């Protein structure tokens, strides 16, 4: 099961460098590629607004 980034994302960029498989892409709201995500939770651990959530 992959994580996803909700509408609560503030595009701060903290999550992107934490992803060990580079599944997070930058945008107005960051996005996680579900095909690459290994559900490690590293993004959720650092997100200041709780936007990175398990799907």
Protein backbone atom coordinates (compact mmCIF):
# COMPACT_ATOMS: atom_id res chain seq x y z
CA UNK A 1 0.00 0.00 0.00
CA UNK A 2 1.41 3.38 -1.01
CA UNK A 3 1.22 6.74 0.73
CA UNK A 4 -0.43 9.75 -0.90
CA UNK A 5 -0.25 13.48 -0.27
CA UNK A 6 -3.54 15.16 0.61
CA UNK A 7 -4.82 18.63 -0.23
CA UNK A 8 -3.36 19.78 3.11
CA UNK A 9 0.10 19.88 1.45
CA UNK A 10 1.80 23.27 1.78
CA UNK A 11 4.53 22.36 -0.76
CA UNK A 12 7.29 22.94 1.78
CA UNK A 13 9.49 20.23 0.22
CA UNK A 14 10.54 18.58 3.47
CA UNK A 15 9.28 15.16 2.38
CA UNK A 16 11.00 14.91 -1.00
CA UNK A 17 14.61 14.41 0.16
CA UNK A 18 13.46 11.90 2.80
CA UNK A 19 12.05 9.46 0.23
CA UNK A 20 14.58 6.63 -0.27
CA UNK A 21 13.12 5.63 -3.65
CA UNK A 22 12.56 9.16 -5.05
CA UNK A 23 8.81 8.59 -5.43
CA UNK A 24 7.84 12.18 -4.53
CA UNK A 25 7.57 14.84 -7.23
CA UNK A 26 7.37 18.59 -6.73
CA UNK A 27 4.31 20.67 -7.59
CA UNK A 28 1.69 23.02 -6.14
CA UNK A 29 0.80 19.94 -4.10
CA UNK A 30 3.54 17.33 -4.01
CA UNK A 31 2.66 13.90 -5.40
CA UNK A 32 3.78 10.36 -4.61
CA UNK A 33 4.10 7.83 -7.42
CA UNK A 34 2.24 4.77 -6.06
CA UNK A 35 4.24 2.47 -8.33
CA UNK A 36 7.51 3.58 -6.70
CA UNK A 37 6.35 4.09 -3.11
CA UNK A 38 7.42 1.31 -0.73
CA UNK A 39 5.20 2.54 2.13
CA UNK A 40 8.19 3.22 4.38
CA UNK A 41 6.51 6.24 6.01
CA UNK A 42 9.57 8.51 5.87
CA UNK A 43 7.52 11.26 4.25
CA UNK A 44 4.77 11.01 6.86
CA UNK A 45 7.33 11.21 9.66
CA UNK A 46 8.62 14.62 8.51
CA UNK A 47 5.48 16.29 7.11
CA UNK A 48 4.69 19.32 9.30
CA UNK A 49 0.98 19.34 8.37
CA UNK A 50 0.26 15.61 8.18
CA UNK A 51 -0.42 15.68 4.43
CA UNK A 52 1.49 12.45 3.70
CA UNK A 53 -0.91 9.66 4.60
CA UNK A 54 -1.21 5.92 4.02
CA UNK A 55 -3.65 5.06 1.26
